[in-house]
Amino acid sequence: MERPARAAIRRRGGEMPCLCGGQVLHVPRFARRSAGWLFGILSAAGVLLGLPALAQTAPPVVGIVQVPVEEVSPSSEFVGRVEAVNAVDIRARVEGFLEARPFDEGQAVQQGQLLFIIEKAAYEIALAAAQAGLAGAEATLRDAEGRLERNRELSRTQTVSRATLEEVQAARDTAHANVMAAEASVRQAGLNLGYTSIPAPITGRIGRSAFAVGALVGPSSGSLARIVQMDPIRVVFSVSDRTILALRSGPGEPSKEELAARFVPRLQLSTGDAYPFPGTIEFLGNEVDPQTGTVPVRARFPNPQSILVPGQFVTVSVGAAVSLSRPVVPAGAVQQDRQGKFVLLVGDDDRVELRRIRVSRQVGQNWIVEEGLKGGEKLIAQGFQNASPGAAVRPVGLAEDAAGAAP
């Protein structure tokens, strides 16, 4: 009996018998498989409906930075060259052989310090001769004055003629003139003797000596050495006429003197280090160079350590004398709509706040904020595209890798 039943099943195309109400029903195989799938779907739906907590998503992660307050005073940079305020070439005023050179080349010297000594013997002799000539002239004057006095007494008794009296008086006047000439010769000889000792006219640093001891020097020998003043020192740079006009076109149209007092120059050395002392603008040119279109500017800097050397090139940064601090925000965190620029902040309750701001200018990659921020706020800098005002978020500092976790 079993074998015919199995054969009957095969003949019916794989139908399976099913007992229903005492009767045997034949169910096709594809219907049996569809029922299995439907049961699985309904089972999964029942599981999901039974777990509503899993359907709620976590708040999005946003990267935040604290809004800093930085120095934002406007400044401009120029290439400057260091110059000495005073530089003096030492020259011989009298001729002679160098007897001594009591200084070391390259050392700092003080005003009045002895630098060169020229042989004195010839000038000492000239001074002595001039003094002797003065003594002779004074003796002649005394004799002439005595003769004049005696002749005046004789003229009262008409013992001496008037012509003789006039001759004696002329001789006295000539003797007085000779004394004056002799005194001038003595002074000139004294000056020449003094010129044999050459002191430093200014305080500064002396360079290389052009003559050694024993060399013959004189007024035609040229410079013996050069002294440059090191403190204070000057930096010369050029400013375009457009920059000058832009600065003067502000409120009140300040004069050149007011511009010099309003801005403070600072220096950056070739090593990249900042020079520790600010300077003052002492000169602003009154003409524009037609070849370069610039105006020359000179600034004076203290140089107590002789860091700056004449001929050196530096970077001059000219900024406002009064410092200006403002909050700054990254340019990528600033958004804009029809009402203007705004940023997204995170409040104390970790909810997004939209804050309207007014910016002035961009410095590097940051905007300077004039209104809307005070500094210290939690600014959304990453992931703000998924954060909406009033929504809850999970703030993460940018030091943590929040960018990869943000949805």
Protein backbone atom coordinates (compact mmCIF):
# COMPACT_ATOMS: atom_id res chain seq x y z
CA MET A 1 0.00 0.00 0.00
CA GLU A 2 2.88 2.50 0.73
CA ARG A 3 4.52 2.26 -2.62
CA PRO A 4 1.38 3.18 -4.63
CA ALA A 5 0.87 6.26 -2.36
CA ARG A 6 4.36 7.53 -2.98
CA ALA A 7 3.92 7.01 -6.68
CA ALA A 8 0.68 8.97 -6.56
CA ILE A 9 2.44 11.87 -4.90
CA ARG A 10 5.10 11.91 -7.59
CA ARG A 11 2.44 11.87 -10.26
CA ARG A 12 0.80 14.98 -8.75
CA GLY A 13 3.92 17.07 -9.34
CA GLY A 14 5.34 17.03 -5.82
CA GLU A 15 2.13 17.97 -3.97
CA MET A 16 2.16 17.21 -0.24
CA PRO A 17 -0.96 15.79 1.45
CA CYS A 18 -2.47 17.78 4.31
CA LEU A 19 -5.16 16.53 6.67
CA CYS A 20 -7.92 19.11 7.08
CA GLY A 21 -11.38 18.24 8.50
CA GLY A 22 -10.82 14.57 8.04
CA GLN A 23 -9.95 15.02 4.41
CA VAL A 24 -6.62 14.85 2.75
CA LEU A 25 -5.71 18.08 0.87
CA HIS A 26 -2.81 18.34 -1.50
CA VAL A 27 -0.73 21.63 -1.07
CA PRO A 28 1.71 22.63 -3.78
CA ARG A 29 5.40 22.97 -2.79
CA PHE A 30 5.77 26.67 -3.89
CA ALA A 31 2.84 27.62 -1.63
CA ARG A 32 4.55 25.92 1.29
CA ARG A 33 7.76 27.96 0.69
CA SER A 34 5.87 31.31 0.46
CA ALA A 35 4.20 30.60 3.75
CA GLY A 36 7.59 30.16 5.37
CA TRP A 37 8.78 33.49 4.08
CA LEU A 38 5.65 35.28 5.27
CA PHE A 39 6.04 33.79 8.71
CA GLY A 40 9.62 35.02 8.93
CA ILE A 41 8.65 38.58 7.94
CA LEU A 42 5.83 38.67 10.45
CA SER A 43 8.11 37.33 13.16
CA ALA A 44 10.76 40.03 12.47
CA ALA A 45 8.10 42.77 12.49
CA GLY A 46 6.89 41.52 15.84
CA VAL A 47 10.39 41.69 17.28
CA LEU A 48 10.92 45.28 16.00
CA LEU A 49 7.57 46.45 17.32
CA GLY A 50 8.47 45.00 20.65
CA LEU A 51 11.75 47.06 20.89
CA PRO A 52 10.81 50.77 20.31
CA ALA A 53 13.98 52.05 22.10
CA LEU A 54 16.18 50.82 19.28
CA ALA A 55 14.37 53.05 16.79
CA GLN A 56 15.65 56.26 18.51
CA THR A 57 19.02 57.62 17.10
CA ALA A 58 21.83 59.13 19.24
CA PRO A 59 22.51 62.94 19.00
CA PRO A 60 25.02 63.85 16.30
CA VAL A 61 28.64 64.46 17.23
CA VAL A 62 30.03 67.94 16.47
CA GLY A 63 33.57 69.23 16.76
CA ILE A 64 33.86 72.41 18.81
CA VAL A 65 36.56 74.98 19.55
CA GLN A 66 36.55 77.70 22.14
CA VAL A 67 36.38 81.14 20.54
CA PRO A 68 39.72 82.88 21.27
CA VAL A 69 40.33 86.60 21.76
CA GLU A 70 43.47 87.72 19.90
CA GLU A 71 45.41 90.85 19.04
CA VAL A 72 43.99 92.02 15.71
CA SER A 73 45.49 95.48 15.30
CA PRO A 74 46.03 96.11 11.57
CA SER A 75 49.65 95.99 10.49
CA SER A 76 51.68 96.15 7.30
CA GLU A 77 55.07 94.66 6.56
CA PHE A 78 57.91 96.25 4.63
CA VAL A 79 61.55 95.46 3.90
CA GLY A 80 63.83 97.85 5.74
CA ARG A 81 67.54 98.58 5.87
CA VAL A 82 69.42 99.50 9.03
CA GLU A 83 71.35 102.77 9.02
CA ALA A 84 73.44 104.55 11.61
CA VAL A 85 71.95 107.74 13.00
CA ASN A 86 75.46 109.25 13.07
CA ALA A 87 78.57 108.06 11.23
CA VAL A 88 81.86 109.96 11.29
CA ASP A 89 85.03 109.50 9.24
CA ILE A 90 88.10 110.27 11.36
CA ARG A 91 90.58 112.49 9.45
CA ALA A 92 93.93 114.06 10.30
CA ARG A 93 93.91 117.87 10.34
CA VAL A 94 97.70 118.21 10.46
CA GLU A 95 100.47 116.29 8.77
CA GLY A 96 102.83 113.99 10.61
CA PHE A 97 103.75 110.44 11.45
CA LEU A 98 101.44 108.33 13.58
CA GLU A 99 103.03 107.76 16.96
CA ALA A 100 100.28 105.69 18.59
CA ARG A 101 96.86 104.17 17.97
CA PRO A 102 95.48 103.42 21.45
CA PHE A 103 92.35 101.48 20.46
CA ASP A 104 91.37 98.06 19.16
CA GLU A 105 89.73 97.84 15.78
CA GLY A 106 86.04 97.05 16.02
CA GLN A 107 85.68 98.02 19.66
CA ALA A 108 83.11 100.35 21.18
CA VAL A 109 84.51 103.81 21.88
CA GLN A 110 83.23 106.68 23.96
CA GLN A 111 83.05 110.30 22.96
CA GLY A 112 86.36 112.00 23.78
CA GLN A 113 88.35 108.74 23.87
CA LEU A 114 91.85 109.14 22.31
CA LEU A 115 92.14 107.30 18.99
CA PHE A 116 95.27 108.54 17.13
CA ILE A 117 98.42 110.43 18.19
CA ILE A 118 100.54 112.26 15.60
CA GLU A 119 104.13 113.26 16.43
CA LYS A 120 104.09 116.48 18.41
CA ALA A 121 107.69 117.73 18.31
CA ALA A 122 107.40 119.92 15.24
CA TYR A 123 104.18 121.49 16.47
CA GLU A 124 105.54 122.07 19.95
CA ILE A 125 108.45 123.97 18.39
CA ALA A 126 106.05 126.00 16.25
CA LEU A 127 104.05 126.89 19.35
CA ALA A 128 107.17 127.98 21.19
CA ALA A 129 108.24 130.16 18.26
CA ALA A 130 104.81 131.74 18.11
CA GLN A 131 104.92 132.44 21.82
CA ALA A 132 108.34 134.07 21.42
CA GLY A 133 107.04 136.23 18.61
CA LEU A 134 104.16 137.28 20.82
CA ALA A 135 106.55 138.24 23.60
CA GLY A 136 108.61 140.39 21.19
CA ALA A 137 105.51 142.07 19.84
CA GLU A 138 104.31 142.86 23.35
CA ALA A 139 107.72 144.38 24.21
CA THR A 140 107.59 146.56 21.11
CA LEU A 141 104.10 147.66 22.04
CA ARG A 142 105.17 148.65 25.51
CA ASP A 143 108.06 150.68 24.10
CA ALA A 144 105.78 152.38 21.60
CA GLU A 145 103.27 153.24 24.28
CA GLY A 146 106.04 154.75 26.46
CA ARG A 147 107.28 156.91 23.59
CA LEU A 148 103.77 158.08 22.85
CA GLU A 149 103.21 159.10 26.45
CA ARG A 150 106.45 161.09 26.63
CA ASN A 151 105.79 162.86 23.34
CA ARG A 152 102.33 163.82 24.51
CA GLU A 153 103.81 165.53 27.58
CA LEU A 154 106.36 167.38 25.43
CA SER A 155 103.66 168.45 23.00
CA ARG A 156 101.94 170.40 25.78
CA THR A 157 105.02 172.65 26.06
CA GLN A 158 105.32 172.68 22.27
CA THR A 159 108.75 171.06 22.52
CA VAL A 160 107.75 168.31 20.04
CA SER A 161 106.13 169.03 16.73
CA ARG A 162 102.72 167.66 15.88
CA ALA A 163 104.14 165.59 13.05
CA THR A 164 106.50 163.77 15.43
CA LEU A 165 103.62 163.04 17.79
CA GLU A 166 101.59 161.52 14.98
CA GLU A 167 104.49 159.30 13.92
CA VAL A 168 104.92 158.02 17.45
CA GLN A 169 101.21 157.33 17.73
CA ALA A 170 101.24 155.38 14.43
CA ALA A 171 104.19 153.35 15.70
CA ARG A 172 102.18 152.49 18.81
CA ASP A 173 99.21 151.38 16.73
CA THR A 174 101.46 149.23 14.53
CA ALA A 175 102.97 147.59 17.60
CA HIS A 176 99.48 146.81 18.92
CA ALA A 177 98.51 145.19 15.61
CA ASN A 178 101.69 143.11 15.71
CA VAL A 179 100.72 141.86 19.15
CA MET A 180 97.31 140.82 17.86
CA ALA A 181 98.91 138.96 14.96
CA ALA A 182 101.35 137.25 17.31
CA GLU A 183 98.47 136.17 19.56
CA ALA A 184 96.70 134.66 16.54
CA SER A 185 99.89 132.81 15.62
CA VAL A 186 100.07 131.40 19.12
CA ARG A 187 96.47 130.24 18.97
CA GLN A 188 97.04 128.65 15.56
CA ALA A 189 100.16 126.88 16.78
CA GLY A 190 98.24 125.66 19.83
CA LEU A 191 95.44 124.33 17.63
CA ASN A 192 97.88 122.50 15.39
CA LEU A 193 99.52 120.97 18.42
CA GLY A 194 96.10 119.91 19.71
CA TYR A 195 95.24 118.35 16.35
CA THR A 196 98.06 115.86 16.88
CA SER A 197 95.76 114.10 19.37
CA ILE A 198 92.60 112.82 17.63
CA PRO A 199 89.73 111.88 19.99
CA ALA A 200 86.43 110.15 19.18
CA PRO A 201 83.82 112.78 18.25
CA ILE A 202 80.85 110.49 19.06
CA THR A 203 80.10 107.35 21.03
CA GLY A 204 79.85 104.28 18.83
CA ARG A 205 81.78 101.42 17.31
CA ILE A 206 84.99 102.08 15.41
CA GLY A 207 85.90 100.08 12.34
CA ARG A 208 89.19 99.13 10.70
CA SER A 209 92.10 101.54 10.85
CA ALA A 210 93.34 102.57 7.42
CA PHE A 211 96.86 103.43 8.67
CA ALA A 212 99.31 101.69 10.94
CA VAL A 213 101.60 103.27 13.50
CA GLY A 214 104.52 105.02 11.75
CA ALA A 215 102.57 105.93 8.63
CA LEU A 216 102.59 109.49 7.38
CA VAL A 217 99.13 111.00 7.53
CA GLY A 218 97.67 114.41 6.82
CA PRO A 219 94.59 116.24 5.58
CA SER A 220 94.94 114.64 2.16
CA SER A 221 95.30 111.10 3.51
CA GLY A 222 91.57 110.41 3.60
CA SER A 223 89.72 108.66 6.40
CA LEU A 224 91.83 107.14 9.17
CA ALA A 225 88.88 105.14 10.54
CA ARG A 226 85.09 105.30 10.72
CA ILE A 227 82.85 105.42 13.78
CA VAL A 228 79.15 104.55 13.60
CA GLN A 229 76.68 105.26 16.36
CA MET A 230 74.99 102.01 17.43
CA ASP A 231 72.45 103.21 19.98
CA PRO A 232 69.97 104.47 18.94
CA ILE A 233 69.89 103.25 15.37
CA ARG A 234 67.72 103.96 12.35
CA VAL A 235 65.75 101.74 9.94
CA VAL A 236 64.80 103.10 6.52
CA PHE A 237 61.95 101.62 4.46
CA SER A 238 59.57 102.70 1.70
CA VAL A 239 55.77 102.86 1.77
CA SER A 240 53.63 103.02 -1.34
CA ASP A 241 51.71 106.21 -1.93
CA ARG A 242 48.52 104.13 -2.07
CA THR A 243 49.10 102.95 1.50
CA ILE A 244 49.70 106.49 2.70
CA LEU A 245 46.50 107.69 1.02
CA ALA A 246 44.50 104.79 2.47
CA LEU A 247 45.68 105.64 5.96
CA ARG A 248 45.02 109.36 5.56
CA SER A 249 41.55 108.82 4.12
CA GLY A 250 40.20 107.68 7.48
CA PRO A 251 38.18 109.83 9.91
CA GLY A 252 39.72 113.23 10.44
CA GLU A 253 42.32 112.81 7.68
CA PRO A 254 45.34 112.77 10.03
CA SER A 255 48.51 114.61 9.07
CA LYS A 256 51.86 112.93 8.57
CA GLU A 257 52.86 113.81 12.13
CA GLU A 258 49.68 112.27 13.52
CA LEU A 259 50.21 109.14 11.44
CA ALA A 260 53.72 108.83 12.84
CA ALA A 261 52.35 109.08 16.39
CA ARG A 262 49.44 106.70 15.72
CA PHE A 263 51.48 103.76 14.40
CA VAL A 264 54.38 101.90 16.01
CA PRO A 265 57.04 100.09 13.95
CA ARG A 266 58.42 96.75 15.09
CA LEU A 267 61.15 94.60 13.59
CA GLN A 268 61.63 90.98 12.67
CA LEU A 269 65.21 89.81 12.25
CA SER A 270 66.49 87.60 9.44
CA THR A 271 66.42 84.64 11.85
CA GLY A 272 62.66 85.04 12.24
CA ASP A 273 62.96 86.31 15.81
CA ALA A 274 61.13 89.45 16.87
CA TYR A 275 63.26 92.42 17.90
CA PRO A 276 62.43 93.17 21.55
CA PHE A 277 62.24 96.97 21.32
CA PRO A 278 59.56 98.94 19.42
CA GLY A 279 60.57 102.07 17.54
CA THR A 280 59.21 105.48 16.68
CA ILE A 281 58.65 106.97 13.25
CA GLU A 282 60.81 110.10 12.99
CA PHE A 283 60.56 110.99 9.32
CA LEU A 284 57.95 110.68 6.58
CA GLY A 285 58.98 111.87 3.14
CA ASN A 286 57.16 114.76 1.50
CA GLU A 287 57.70 113.54 -2.06
CA VAL A 288 56.91 110.35 -3.95
CA ASP A 289 59.76 108.75 -5.82
CA PRO A 290 58.62 108.82 -9.47
CA GLN A 291 60.61 105.68 -10.27
CA THR A 292 59.27 103.48 -7.46
CA GLY A 293 56.04 105.24 -6.48
CA THR A 294 56.98 105.08 -2.80
CA VAL A 295 57.53 107.49 0.06
CA PRO A 296 60.66 107.09 2.24
CA VAL A 297 60.11 106.51 5.95
CA ARG A 298 62.67 106.48 8.77
CA ALA A 299 62.14 104.90 12.17
CA ARG A 300 64.44 105.06 15.19
CA PHE A 301 65.00 102.06 17.49
CA PRO A 302 66.94 101.63 20.72
CA ASN A 303 69.86 99.27 20.25
CA PRO A 304 71.50 98.76 23.66
CA GLN A 305 72.86 95.32 22.82
CA SER A 306 74.06 96.29 19.31
CA ILE A 307 71.92 93.57 17.73
CA LEU A 308 71.15 95.81 14.76
CA VAL A 309 74.11 96.62 12.52
CA PRO A 310 74.17 99.27 9.76
CA GLY A 311 73.53 97.72 6.35
CA GLN A 312 71.45 94.87 7.78
CA PHE A 313 68.07 94.04 6.20
CA VAL A 314 65.06 93.50 8.46
CA THR A 315 61.29 93.15 8.17
CA VAL A 316 59.43 96.20 9.43
CA SER A 317 55.92 95.63 10.77
CA VAL A 318 53.96 98.84 11.29
CA GLY A 319 50.89 98.46 13.52
CA ALA A 320 48.59 100.62 15.59
CA ALA A 321 50.03 102.20 18.72
CA VAL A 322 46.94 101.17 20.71
CA SER A 323 46.40 97.42 20.77
CA LEU A 324 43.05 96.06 19.61
CA SER A 325 41.71 92.66 20.75
CA ARG A 326 38.73 90.93 19.20
CA PRO A 327 37.24 87.40 19.06
CA VAL A 328 38.31 85.48 15.97
CA VAL A 329 36.60 82.48 14.39
CA PRO A 330 37.69 80.12 11.60
CA ALA A 331 36.41 81.21 8.22
CA GLY A 332 35.03 77.70 7.57
CA ALA A 333 32.74 77.94 10.61
CA VAL A 334 31.04 81.13 9.41
CA GLN A 335 27.84 80.62 7.42
CA GLN A 336 25.66 83.13 5.64
CA ASP A 337 22.02 83.48 4.69
CA ARG A 338 19.82 86.35 3.57
CA GLN A 339 20.07 88.04 6.96
CA GLY A 340 23.84 87.95 7.08
CA LYS A 341 26.62 85.89 8.63
CA PHE A 342 26.09 83.57 11.57
CA VAL A 343 27.75 80.76 13.49
CA LEU A 344 26.49 77.77 15.39
CA LEU A 345 27.29 77.45 19.08
CA VAL A 346 26.75 74.76 21.68
CA GLY A 347 25.05 75.93 24.88
CA ASP A 348 25.47 74.61 28.39
CA ASP A 349 22.59 72.19 27.77
CA ASP A 350 24.39 70.75 24.71
CA ARG A 351 21.86 72.25 22.34
CA VAL A 352 22.69 74.17 19.17
CA GLU A 353 22.31 77.94 19.20
CA LEU A 354 22.38 80.16 16.11
CA ARG A 355 24.26 83.40 16.75
CA ARG A 356 24.31 86.35 14.34
CA ILE A 357 27.72 88.04 14.05
CA ARG A 358 29.25 91.07 12.36
CA VAL A 359 32.77 90.66 11.03
CA SER A 360 35.24 93.33 9.91
CA ARG A 361 38.03 91.69 7.97
CA GLN A 362 39.79 88.40 7.47
CA VAL A 363 43.25 87.75 8.86
CA GLY A 364 44.75 84.55 7.51
CA GLN A 365 42.13 81.81 7.90
CA ASN A 366 40.11 83.65 10.57
CA TRP A 367 37.39 86.28 10.61
CA ILE A 368 37.59 89.14 13.11
CA VAL A 369 34.26 89.40 14.94
CA GLU A 370 33.11 92.90 15.87
CA GLU A 371 29.67 92.00 17.28
CA GLY A 372 27.92 88.83 18.39
CA LEU A 373 30.71 87.06 20.30
CA LYS A 374 32.71 87.90 23.41
CA GLY A 375 35.17 85.03 23.42
CA GLY A 376 35.06 81.70 25.19
CA GLU A 377 31.93 80.41 23.46
CA LYS A 378 31.77 76.81 22.20
CA LEU A 379 31.87 77.18 18.42
CA ILE A 380 30.86 74.31 16.16
CA ALA A 381 33.71 73.99 13.69
CA GLN A 382 33.03 70.49 12.34
CA GLY A 383 29.79 68.64 11.74
CA PHE A 384 27.63 71.77 11.78
CA GLN A 385 25.95 70.68 8.55
CA ASN A 386 24.09 68.03 10.57
CA ALA A 387 23.26 70.33 13.49
CA SER A 388 20.18 72.54 13.49
CA PRO A 389 19.29 75.30 15.97
CA GLY A 390 17.70 73.87 19.10
CA ALA A 391 18.78 70.30 18.40
CA ALA A 392 20.72 68.27 20.92
CA VAL A 393 24.28 67.38 19.99
CA ARG A 394 27.27 65.71 21.56
CA PRO A 395 30.15 68.22 21.52
CA VAL A 396 33.67 66.88 21.20
CA GLY A 397 36.81 68.99 21.25
CA LEU A 398 38.74 69.03 18.04
CA ALA A 399 41.72 67.60 19.90
CA GLU A 400 39.68 64.40 19.90
CA ASP A 401 39.03 62.92 16.50
CA ALA A 402 35.42 64.07 16.27
CA ALA A 403 35.43 64.58 12.54
CA GLY A 404 35.39 60.90 11.78
CA ALA A 405 32.64 60.25 14.32
CA ALA A 406 30.36 63.02 13.10
CA PRO A 407 27.43 61.72 11.02
